[in-house]
Amino acid sequence: MGIFPRRNPTVIYTMFSPLMSFPERELGRPLRLVTAKDFPTTRRRRPAAG
């Protein structure tokens, strides 16, 4: 799951980590929460739209 970096990465992990528990439970596997320090880094990391 990717989250746009509107806040400090530590705050983002704290805010969104609880949200990860439902899909992890439904999928039966761990998910990884990914964010970046800024929007340009996020744009470089995201897959190409297609």
Protein backbone atom coordinates (compact mmCIF):
# COMPACT_ATOMS: atom_id res chain seq x y z
CA MET A 1 0.00 0.00 0.00
CA GLY A 2 1.43 3.39 -0.91
CA ILE A 3 0.61 6.61 0.90
CA PHE A 4 1.31 10.08 -0.49
CA PRO A 5 3.79 11.96 1.73
CA ARG A 6 1.61 14.73 3.10
CA ARG A 7 3.15 14.36 6.56
CA ASN A 8 6.33 13.15 8.18
CA PRO A 9 6.92 9.44 7.33
CA THR A 10 6.83 8.49 11.02
CA VAL A 11 3.40 10.11 11.38
CA ILE A 12 2.19 8.38 8.22
CA TYR A 13 3.26 4.95 9.51
CA THR A 14 1.57 5.63 12.86
CA MET A 15 -1.65 6.78 11.19
CA PHE A 16 -1.94 4.09 8.52
CA SER A 17 -0.48 0.98 10.14
CA PRO A 18 -3.80 0.08 11.82
CA LEU A 19 -5.49 0.30 8.40
CA MET A 20 -3.24 -2.49 7.17
CA SER A 21 -4.61 -5.11 9.55
CA PHE A 22 -7.90 -5.73 7.70
CA PRO A 23 -6.48 -6.46 4.22
CA GLU A 24 -3.66 -8.48 5.80
CA ARG A 25 -6.20 -10.60 7.63
CA GLU A 26 -8.39 -11.03 4.53
CA LEU A 27 -5.45 -11.87 2.26
CA GLY A 28 -3.76 -14.05 4.83
CA ARG A 29 -0.38 -12.45 4.32
CA PRO A 30 1.53 -9.38 5.47
CA LEU A 31 1.44 -6.18 3.46
CA ARG A 32 4.04 -3.47 3.32
CA LEU A 33 3.23 0.20 3.87
CA VAL A 34 5.37 2.37 1.60
CA THR A 35 5.80 6.12 1.61
CA ALA A 36 8.47 8.57 0.53
CA LYS A 37 9.95 11.74 1.95
CA ASP A 38 8.40 13.95 -0.76
CA PHE A 39 6.20 14.00 -3.88
CA PRO A 40 9.02 13.83 -6.47
CA THR A 41 10.33 10.62 -4.86
CA THR A 42 6.80 9.20 -4.79
CA ARG A 43 6.37 9.95 -8.47
CA ARG A 44 9.64 8.24 -9.38
CA ARG A 45 8.75 5.12 -7.37
CA ARG A 46 5.22 4.57 -8.62
CA PRO A 47 4.52 2.20 -11.49
CA ALA A 48 3.71 3.70 -14.87
CA ALA A 49 0.00 4.17 -15.52
CA GLY A 50 -1.25 1.87 -18.17
